[in-house]
Amino acid sequence: MNQRQYEIVQRVNQLGKTSVMDVAKHFDVSVQTVRSDIRYLAERGLILRNHGEVLPFPHRENISYDQRRIRNLHGKERMAALCAGKISDYQSLFMGTGSSVAEVANHLTHFVGLKVMTNNLHVVSNLCSHQDCEITVAGGRVRKRDQDVVGGDAVKFFERYRADVGMFSVAAINRRGVLFDFTDEDIDSLDSLVLNSHYRILLADNTKFESESRCVWDNLSKCHCLITDSKPPKYLLNKLSAAGVEVLY
């Protein structure tokens, strides 16, 4: 994927339904060129196309890790840097599933004495070259689409340990501050991770706000800190303040 194609995905995710003509004008290229780009991106499940229009991939359905990783990549990198600012040397860390959490692993290489426990195989891959970091990974069934370990094995894994800091993400946060995820298995793992973490950090970029997914989990009081990529809506800031949750963006 080239830079223009990456920026097309970013623009469509930000603006919503857009005409092919408008995309071509914005990037100052021919409609034919844009159609080629859109065809390439649609074939990989990054956007949708329909009769001269291009649409974001639906947020309410889980998509593959590679698709989620490039969505709002710059925002996730900023979130990861903010999250790393909450970490100290020699801490024990729970790191849950998701592309935002995996990005945090790339910002931990300068810490010493970390003990990381995770069911996210991308976290393992990103930290394997870090010589002063002990990594323990959950065993069990691998969800190949996302390259993480799910089900009862992941739940039991997080029950066996205690962590100074737990980092996790969710699928959606609605206007009432309710947290959602995609499957019962995801929620069971979240329960276990959160219950056994002393300090809990929720990473959620702005695409998660004002949306819902299939499975209801809990509410914002579950976390001590919300890290996002832009200032949350006022109503959400009010709920976070009432719950005593620190907000970083």
C-alpha atoms as a PDB file:
ATOM      1  CA  MET A   1       0.000   0.000   0.000  1.00  0.00           C
ATOM      2  CA  ASN A   2       1.457   3.367  -1.016  1.00  0.00           C
ATOM      3  CA  GLN A   3       1.182   6.670   0.856  1.00  0.00           C
ATOM      4  CA  ARG A   4      -1.789   7.951  -1.147  1.00  0.00           C
ATOM      5  CA  GLN A   5      -3.726   4.748  -0.555  1.00  0.00           C
ATOM      6  CA  TYR A   6      -2.987   4.976   3.157  1.00  0.00           C
ATOM      7  CA  GLU A   7      -4.232   8.582   3.205  1.00  0.00           C
ATOM      8  CA  ILE A   8      -7.381   7.599   1.299  1.00  0.00           C
ATOM      9  CA  VAL A   9      -8.239   5.113   4.050  1.00  0.00           C
ATOM     10  CA  GLN A  10      -7.573   7.749   6.708  1.00  0.00           C
ATOM     11  CA  ARG A  11      -9.692  10.355   4.929  1.00  0.00           C
ATOM     12  CA  VAL A  12     -12.633   8.032   4.332  1.00  0.00           C
ATOM     13  CA  ASN A  13     -12.581   6.865   7.952  1.00  0.00           C
ATOM     14  CA  GLN A  14     -12.648  10.499   9.101  1.00  0.00           C
ATOM     15  CA  LEU A  15     -15.247  11.884   6.684  1.00  0.00           C
ATOM     16  CA  GLY A  16     -17.484   8.883   6.077  1.00  0.00           C
ATOM     17  CA  LYS A  17     -19.186   8.296   2.733  1.00  0.00           C
ATOM     18  CA  THR A  18     -17.352  10.215   0.003  1.00  0.00           C
ATOM     19  CA  SER A  19     -17.673  10.339  -3.759  1.00  0.00           C
ATOM     20  CA  VAL A  20     -14.869   9.012  -5.923  1.00  0.00           C
ATOM     21  CA  MET A  21     -14.785  12.400  -7.684  1.00  0.00           C
ATOM     22  CA  ASP A  22     -14.157  14.221  -4.383  1.00  0.00           C
ATOM     23  CA  VAL A  23     -11.342  11.825  -3.508  1.00  0.00           C
ATOM     24  CA  ALA A  24      -9.738  12.417  -6.911  1.00  0.00           C
ATOM     25  CA  LYS A  25      -9.985  16.216  -6.488  1.00  0.00           C
ATOM     26  CA  HIS A  26      -8.507  16.111  -2.999  1.00  0.00           C
ATOM     27  CA  PHE A  27      -5.452  14.151  -4.113  1.00  0.00           C
ATOM     28  CA  ASP A  28      -5.213  15.953  -7.464  1.00  0.00           C
ATOM     29  CA  VAL A  29      -5.165  12.750  -9.492  1.00  0.00           C
ATOM     30  CA  SER A  30      -7.431  11.296 -12.159  1.00  0.00           C
ATOM     31  CA  VAL A  31     -10.649   9.479 -11.335  1.00  0.00           C
ATOM     32  CA  GLN A  32      -9.177   6.425 -13.040  1.00  0.00           C
ATOM     33  CA  THR A  33      -6.196   6.469 -10.684  1.00  0.00           C
ATOM     34  CA  VAL A  34      -8.436   6.802  -7.636  1.00  0.00           C
ATOM     35  CA  ARG A  35     -10.666   3.976  -8.817  1.00  0.00           C
ATOM     36  CA  SER A  36      -7.592   1.767  -9.067  1.00  0.00           C
ATOM     37  CA  ASP A  37      -6.594   2.745  -5.512  1.00  0.00           C
ATOM     38  CA  ILE A  38     -10.109   2.144  -4.211  1.00  0.00           C
ATOM     39  CA  ARG A  39     -10.319  -1.242  -5.908  1.00  0.00           C
ATOM     40  CA  TYR A  40      -7.009  -2.242  -4.288  1.00  0.00           C
ATOM     41  CA  LEU A  41      -8.172  -1.104  -0.823  1.00  0.00           C
ATOM     42  CA  ALA A  42     -11.632  -2.630  -1.128  1.00  0.00           C
ATOM     43  CA  GLU A  43     -10.202  -5.998  -2.122  1.00  0.00           C
ATOM     44  CA  ARG A  44      -8.265  -5.981   1.160  1.00  0.00           C
ATOM     45  CA  GLY A  45     -11.276  -5.059   3.265  1.00  0.00           C
ATOM     46  CA  LEU A  46      -9.968  -1.602   4.218  1.00  0.00           C
ATOM     47  CA  ILE A  47     -12.853   0.394   2.724  1.00  0.00           C
ATOM     48  CA  LEU A  48     -16.114  -0.284   0.894  1.00  0.00           C
ATOM     49  CA  ARG A  49     -17.080   0.955  -2.594  1.00  0.00           C
ATOM     50  CA  ASN A  50     -20.555   1.370  -4.028  1.00  0.00           C
ATOM     51  CA  HIS A  51     -21.660   3.079  -7.281  1.00  0.00           C
ATOM     52  CA  GLY A  52     -19.216   5.964  -7.420  1.00  0.00           C
ATOM     53  CA  GLU A  53     -18.862   6.286  -3.653  1.00  0.00           C
ATOM     54  CA  VAL A  54     -16.425   4.996  -1.081  1.00  0.00           C
ATOM     55  CA  LEU A  55     -17.389   4.229   2.531  1.00  0.00           C
ATOM     56  CA  PRO A  56     -15.557   3.320   5.744  1.00  0.00           C
ATOM     57  CA  PHE A  57     -15.427  -0.309   6.695  1.00  0.00           C
ATOM     58  CA  PRO A  58     -18.216  -0.753   9.301  1.00  0.00           C
ATOM     59  CA  HIS A  59     -16.920  -0.081  12.814  1.00  0.00           C
ATOM     60  CA  ARG A  60     -19.475  -2.326  14.461  1.00  0.00           C
ATOM     61  CA  GLU A  61     -17.928  -5.494  13.102  1.00  0.00           C
ATOM     62  CA  ASN A  62     -14.519  -6.705  14.024  1.00  0.00           C
ATOM     63  CA  ILE A  63     -12.022  -6.592  11.186  1.00  0.00           C
ATOM     64  CA  SER A  64      -8.616  -8.162  10.908  1.00  0.00           C
ATOM     65  CA  TYR A  65      -5.621  -6.932  12.867  1.00  0.00           C
ATOM     66  CA  ASP A  66      -3.844  -5.629   9.759  1.00  0.00           C
ATOM     67  CA  GLN A  67      -6.908  -3.579   8.813  1.00  0.00           C
ATOM     68  CA  ARG A  68      -7.261  -2.130  12.306  1.00  0.00           C
ATOM     69  CA  ARG A  69      -3.541  -1.454  12.637  1.00  0.00           C
ATOM     70  CA  ILE A  70      -3.448   1.070   9.783  1.00  0.00           C
ATOM     71  CA  ARG A  71      -6.694   2.758  10.791  1.00  0.00           C
ATOM     72  CA  ASN A  72      -5.682   5.986  12.534  1.00  0.00           C
ATOM     73  CA  LEU A  73      -2.090   4.777  12.840  1.00  0.00           C
ATOM     74  CA  HIS A  74      -0.692   8.186  13.783  1.00  0.00           C
ATOM     75  CA  GLY A  75      -3.285   8.557  16.523  1.00  0.00           C
ATOM     76  CA  LYS A  76      -2.422   5.142  17.931  1.00  0.00           C
ATOM     77  CA  GLU A  77       1.283   5.991  17.926  1.00  0.00           C
ATOM     78  CA  ARG A  78       0.535   9.111  19.967  1.00  0.00           C
ATOM     79  CA  MET A  79      -1.595   7.096  22.369  1.00  0.00           C
ATOM     80  CA  ALA A  80       1.187   4.544  22.771  1.00  0.00           C
ATOM     81  CA  ALA A  81       3.690   7.260  23.645  1.00  0.00           C
ATOM     82  CA  LEU A  82       1.309   8.681  26.258  1.00  0.00           C
ATOM     83  CA  CYS A  83       0.766   5.211  27.698  1.00  0.00           C
ATOM     84  CA  ALA A  84       4.517   4.600  27.942  1.00  0.00           C
ATOM     85  CA  GLY A  85       4.670   7.756  30.052  1.00  0.00           C
ATOM     86  CA  LYS A  86       2.602   5.951  32.701  1.00  0.00           C
ATOM     87  CA  ILE A  87       5.055   3.025  32.911  1.00  0.00           C
ATOM     88  CA  SER A  88       8.140   2.721  35.123  1.00  0.00           C
ATOM     89  CA  ASP A  89      11.134   0.383  35.193  1.00  0.00           C
ATOM     90  CA  TYR A  90      10.720  -3.013  36.897  1.00  0.00           C
ATOM     91  CA  GLN A  91       6.934  -3.031  36.702  1.00  0.00           C
ATOM     92  CA  SER A  92       4.746  -6.013  35.873  1.00  0.00           C
ATOM     93  CA  LEU A  93       2.359  -5.394  32.979  1.00  0.00           C
ATOM     94  CA  PHE A  94      -0.762  -7.045  31.625  1.00  0.00           C
ATOM     95  CA  MET A  95      -1.202  -6.284  27.924  1.00  0.00           C
ATOM     96  CA  GLY A  96      -4.502  -7.295  26.343  1.00  0.00           C
ATOM     97  CA  THR A  97      -5.551  -7.754  22.744  1.00  0.00           C
ATOM     98  CA  GLY A  98      -5.812  -5.134  20.012  1.00  0.00           C
ATOM     99  CA  SER A  99      -3.690  -2.993  17.728  1.00  0.00           C
ATOM    100  CA  SER A 100      -3.508  -0.032  20.142  1.00  0.00           C
ATOM    101  CA  VAL A 101      -2.068  -2.214  22.896  1.00  0.00           C
ATOM    102  CA  ALA A 102       0.372  -3.814  20.466  1.00  0.00           C
ATOM    103  CA  GLU A 103       1.602  -0.357  19.473  1.00  0.00           C
ATOM    104  CA  VAL A 104       2.425   0.378  23.123  1.00  0.00           C
ATOM    105  CA  ALA A 105       4.919  -2.512  23.054  1.00  0.00           C
ATOM    106  CA  ASN A 106       6.962  -0.595  20.478  1.00  0.00           C
ATOM    107  CA  HIS A 107       7.393   2.220  23.018  1.00  0.00           C
ATOM    108  CA  LEU A 108       8.641   0.063  25.908  1.00  0.00           C
ATOM    109  CA  THR A 109      12.106  -0.858  24.645  1.00  0.00           C
ATOM    110  CA  HIS A 110      13.938   1.731  26.781  1.00  0.00           C
ATOM    111  CA  PHE A 111      12.553   0.380  30.076  1.00  0.00           C
ATOM    112  CA  VAL A 112      14.481  -2.136  32.170  1.00  0.00           C
ATOM    113  CA  GLY A 113      13.272  -5.002  34.281  1.00  0.00           C
ATOM    114  CA  LEU A 114       9.759  -5.210  32.843  1.00  0.00           C
ATOM    115  CA  LYS A 115       7.685  -8.345  33.280  1.00  0.00           C
ATOM    116  CA  VAL A 116       5.030  -8.509  30.554  1.00  0.00           C
ATOM    117  CA  MET A 117       2.143 -10.985  30.586  1.00  0.00           C
ATOM    118  CA  THR A 118      -0.027 -11.030  27.486  1.00  0.00           C
ATOM    119  CA  ASN A 119      -2.388 -12.951  25.237  1.00  0.00           C
ATOM    120  CA  ASN A 120      -1.510 -10.660  22.311  1.00  0.00           C
ATOM    121  CA  LEU A 121       1.017 -12.311  19.982  1.00  0.00           C
ATOM    122  CA  HIS A 122       1.803  -8.967  18.341  1.00  0.00           C
ATOM    123  CA  VAL A 123       2.998  -7.707  21.728  1.00  0.00           C
ATOM    124  CA  VAL A 124       5.257 -10.751  21.997  1.00  0.00           C
ATOM    125  CA  SER A 125       6.682 -10.137  18.532  1.00  0.00           C
ATOM    126  CA  ASN A 126       7.271  -6.437  19.194  1.00  0.00           C
ATOM    127  CA  LEU A 127       9.093  -7.099  22.482  1.00  0.00           C
ATOM    128  CA  CYS A 128      11.143 -10.171  21.588  1.00  0.00           C
ATOM    129  CA  SER A 129      14.156  -8.061  20.618  1.00  0.00           C
ATOM    130  CA  HIS A 130      14.090  -6.243  23.980  1.00  0.00           C
ATOM    131  CA  GLN A 131      16.784  -7.957  26.013  1.00  0.00           C
ATOM    132  CA  ASP A 132      15.738  -6.620  29.443  1.00  0.00           C
ATOM    133  CA  CYS A 133      12.081  -7.644  29.363  1.00  0.00           C
ATOM    134  CA  GLU A 134      10.603 -10.912  30.606  1.00  0.00           C
ATOM    135  CA  ILE A 135       7.645 -12.034  28.492  1.00  0.00           C
ATOM    136  CA  THR A 136       5.038 -14.590  29.523  1.00  0.00           C
ATOM    137  CA  VAL A 137       2.413 -15.489  26.943  1.00  0.00           C
ATOM    138  CA  ALA A 138      -0.936 -17.221  27.405  1.00  0.00           C
ATOM    139  CA  GLY A 139      -1.189 -20.697  25.977  1.00  0.00           C
ATOM    140  CA  GLY A 140      -4.258 -22.101  24.286  1.00  0.00           C
ATOM    141  CA  ARG A 141      -6.343 -21.532  21.186  1.00  0.00           C
ATOM    142  CA  VAL A 142      -5.050 -18.882  18.814  1.00  0.00           C
ATOM    143  CA  ARG A 143      -7.512 -16.630  16.994  1.00  0.00           C
ATOM    144  CA  LYS A 144      -5.621 -16.563  13.721  1.00  0.00           C
ATOM    145  CA  ARG A 145      -7.383 -13.502  12.339  1.00  0.00           C
ATOM    146  CA  ASP A 146      -6.041 -11.317  15.153  1.00  0.00           C
ATOM    147  CA  GLN A 147      -3.111 -13.443  16.341  1.00  0.00           C
ATOM    148  CA  ASP A 148      -4.149 -13.534  19.970  1.00  0.00           C
ATOM    149  CA  VAL A 149      -5.102 -16.222  22.480  1.00  0.00           C
ATOM    150  CA  VAL A 150      -8.758 -16.322  23.468  1.00  0.00           C
ATOM    151  CA  GLY A 151     -11.202 -18.394  25.469  1.00  0.00           C
ATOM    152  CA  GLY A 152     -10.867 -20.008  28.861  1.00  0.00           C
ATOM    153  CA  ASP A 153      -7.091 -20.319  28.538  1.00  0.00           C
ATOM    154  CA  ALA A 154      -6.701 -16.541  28.373  1.00  0.00           C
ATOM    155  CA  VAL A 155      -9.042 -16.059  31.333  1.00  0.00           C
ATOM    156  CA  LYS A 156      -7.111 -18.537  33.493  1.00  0.00           C
ATOM    157  CA  PHE A 157      -3.838 -16.963  32.393  1.00  0.00           C
ATOM    158  CA  PHE A 158      -4.706 -13.524  33.748  1.00  0.00           C
ATOM    159  CA  GLU A 159      -6.137 -15.108  36.900  1.00  0.00           C
ATOM    160  CA  ARG A 160      -2.773 -16.706  37.707  1.00  0.00           C
ATOM    161  CA  TYR A 161      -0.889 -13.404  37.986  1.00  0.00           C
ATOM    162  CA  ARG A 162      -1.096  -9.918  39.442  1.00  0.00           C
ATOM    163  CA  ALA A 163       0.137  -6.871  37.509  1.00  0.00           C
ATOM    164  CA  ASP A 164       1.120  -3.347  38.496  1.00  0.00           C
ATOM    165  CA  VAL A 165      -0.442  -2.000  35.295  1.00  0.00           C
ATOM    166  CA  GLY A 166      -3.072  -3.498  32.998  1.00  0.00           C
ATOM    167  CA  MET A 167      -3.487  -2.128  29.462  1.00  0.00           C
ATOM    168  CA  PHE A 168      -6.518  -3.004  27.380  1.00  0.00           C
ATOM    169  CA  SER A 169      -8.777  -1.787  24.596  1.00  0.00           C
ATOM    170  CA  VAL A 170     -12.465  -2.181  23.766  1.00  0.00           C
ATOM    171  CA  ALA A 171     -14.575  -2.235  20.616  1.00  0.00           C
ATOM    172  CA  ALA A 172     -16.780   0.757  21.419  1.00  0.00           C
ATOM    173  CA  ILE A 173     -17.932   3.324  24.009  1.00  0.00           C
ATOM    174  CA  ASN A 174     -21.474   4.655  23.710  1.00  0.00           C
ATOM    175  CA  ARG A 175     -22.869   8.025  24.827  1.00  0.00           C
ATOM    176  CA  ARG A 176     -23.709   6.640  28.288  1.00  0.00           C
ATOM    177  CA  GLY A 177     -20.118   5.580  28.855  1.00  0.00           C
ATOM    178  CA  VAL A 178     -20.895   1.866  28.460  1.00  0.00           C
ATOM    179  CA  LEU A 179     -18.016  -0.260  27.160  1.00  0.00           C
ATOM    180  CA  PHE A 180     -18.508  -2.915  24.483  1.00  0.00           C
ATOM    181  CA  ASP A 181     -16.447  -5.647  22.892  1.00  0.00           C
ATOM    182  CA  PHE A 182     -16.944  -8.077  20.038  1.00  0.00           C
ATOM    183  CA  THR A 183     -17.365 -11.490  21.688  1.00  0.00           C
ATOM    184  CA  ASP A 184     -18.100 -13.123  25.022  1.00  0.00           C
ATOM    185  CA  GLU A 185     -14.555 -14.510  24.977  1.00  0.00           C
ATOM    186  CA  ASP A 186     -13.119 -10.998  24.694  1.00  0.00           C
ATOM    187  CA  ILE A 187     -15.208  -9.827  27.629  1.00  0.00           C
ATOM    188  CA  ASP A 188     -14.258 -12.781  29.826  1.00  0.00           C
ATOM    189  CA  SER A 189     -10.574 -12.041  29.207  1.00  0.00           C
ATOM    190  CA  LEU A 190     -11.101  -8.347  29.965  1.00  0.00           C
ATOM    191  CA  ASP A 191     -12.784  -9.180  33.270  1.00  0.00           C
ATOM    192  CA  SER A 192      -9.854 -11.318  34.331  1.00  0.00           C
ATOM    193  CA  LEU A 193      -7.214  -8.803  33.210  1.00  0.00           C
ATOM    194  CA  VAL A 194      -8.892  -5.864  34.939  1.00  0.00           C
ATOM    195  CA  LEU A 195      -9.649  -7.728  38.174  1.00  0.00           C
ATOM    196  CA  ASN A 196      -5.984  -8.610  38.638  1.00  0.00           C
ATOM    197  CA  SER A 197      -4.419  -5.251  37.673  1.00  0.00           C
ATOM    198  CA  HIS A 198      -3.554  -2.662  40.296  1.00  0.00           C
ATOM    199  CA  TYR A 199      -3.692   0.267  37.825  1.00  0.00           C
ATOM    200  CA  ARG A 200      -5.840   0.026  34.697  1.00  0.00           C
ATOM    201  CA  ILE A 201      -5.355   1.919  31.420  1.00  0.00           C
ATOM    202  CA  LEU A 202      -7.966   1.906  28.654  1.00  0.00           C
ATOM    203  CA  LEU A 203      -6.692   2.785  25.171  1.00  0.00           C
ATOM    204  CA  ALA A 204      -9.443   3.916  22.789  1.00  0.00           C
ATOM    205  CA  ASP A 205      -9.070   6.222  19.802  1.00  0.00           C
ATOM    206  CA  ASN A 206     -11.830   8.582  18.700  1.00  0.00           C
ATOM    207  CA  THR A 207     -13.340   6.018  16.298  1.00  0.00           C
ATOM    208  CA  LYS A 208     -14.559   4.084  19.369  1.00  0.00           C
ATOM    209  CA  PHE A 209     -16.673   6.970  20.718  1.00  0.00           C
ATOM    210  CA  GLU A 210     -20.456   7.131  20.266  1.00  0.00           C
ATOM    211  CA  SER A 211     -20.676   3.589  18.948  1.00  0.00           C
ATOM    212  CA  GLU A 212     -21.695   0.160  20.170  1.00  0.00           C
ATOM    213  CA  SER A 213     -20.780  -3.442  19.467  1.00  0.00           C
ATOM    214  CA  ARG A 214     -22.555  -6.729  20.046  1.00  0.00           C
ATOM    215  CA  CYS A 215     -21.434  -7.544  23.602  1.00  0.00           C
ATOM    216  CA  VAL A 216     -21.930  -5.220  26.564  1.00  0.00           C
ATOM    217  CA  TRP A 217     -19.082  -5.271  29.066  1.00  0.00           C
ATOM    218  CA  ASP A 218     -19.075  -2.590  31.765  1.00  0.00           C
ATOM    219  CA  ASN A 219     -18.644   1.166  32.175  1.00  0.00           C
ATOM    220  CA  LEU A 220     -15.810   3.693  32.289  1.00  0.00           C
ATOM    221  CA  SER A 221     -15.320   3.302  36.034  1.00  0.00           C
ATOM    222  CA  LYS A 222     -13.446   0.083  35.216  1.00  0.00           C
ATOM    223  CA  CYS A 223     -10.357   2.110  34.292  1.00  0.00           C
ATOM    224  CA  HIS A 224      -8.160   4.557  36.169  1.00  0.00           C
ATOM    225  CA  CYS A 225      -6.946   6.265  32.997  1.00  0.00           C
ATOM    226  CA  LEU A 226      -8.359   6.686  29.480  1.00  0.00           C
ATOM    227  CA  ILE A 227      -5.823   7.402  26.756  1.00  0.00           C
ATOM    228  CA  THR A 228      -7.155   8.565  23.414  1.00  0.00           C
ATOM    229  CA  ASP A 229      -5.948  10.488  20.367  1.00  0.00           C
ATOM    230  CA  SER A 230      -8.109  13.629  20.558  1.00  0.00           C
ATOM    231  CA  LYS A 231     -10.223  15.500  23.088  1.00  0.00           C
ATOM    232  CA  PRO A 232     -13.291  13.407  23.925  1.00  0.00           C
ATOM    233  CA  PRO A 233     -16.785  14.909  23.596  1.00  0.00           C
ATOM    234  CA  LYS A 234     -17.868  17.068  26.533  1.00  0.00           C
ATOM    235  CA  TYR A 235     -20.523  14.624  27.713  1.00  0.00           C
ATOM    236  CA  LEU A 236     -17.892  11.876  27.886  1.00  0.00           C
ATOM    237  CA  LEU A 237     -15.427  14.120  29.723  1.00  0.00           C
ATOM    238  CA  ASN A 238     -18.136  14.829  32.288  1.00  0.00           C
ATOM    239  CA  LYS A 239     -18.728  11.112  32.839  1.00  0.00           C
ATOM    240  CA  LEU A 240     -15.004  10.471  33.127  1.00  0.00           C
ATOM    241  CA  SER A 241     -14.606  13.279  35.651  1.00  0.00           C
ATOM    242  CA  ALA A 242     -17.521  11.978  37.715  1.00  0.00           C
ATOM    243  CA  ALA A 243     -15.933   8.526  37.751  1.00  0.00           C
ATOM    244  CA  GLY A 244     -12.532   9.908  38.772  1.00  0.00           C
ATOM    245  CA  VAL A 245     -10.867   8.707  35.557  1.00  0.00           C
ATOM    246  CA  GLU A 246      -7.776  10.535  34.322  1.00  0.00           C
ATOM    247  CA  VAL A 247      -7.890  11.448  30.611  1.00  0.00           C
ATOM    248  CA  LEU A 248      -4.827  11.825  28.373  1.00  0.00           C
ATOM    249  CA  TYR A 249      -4.943  12.874  24.706  1.00  0.00           C
END
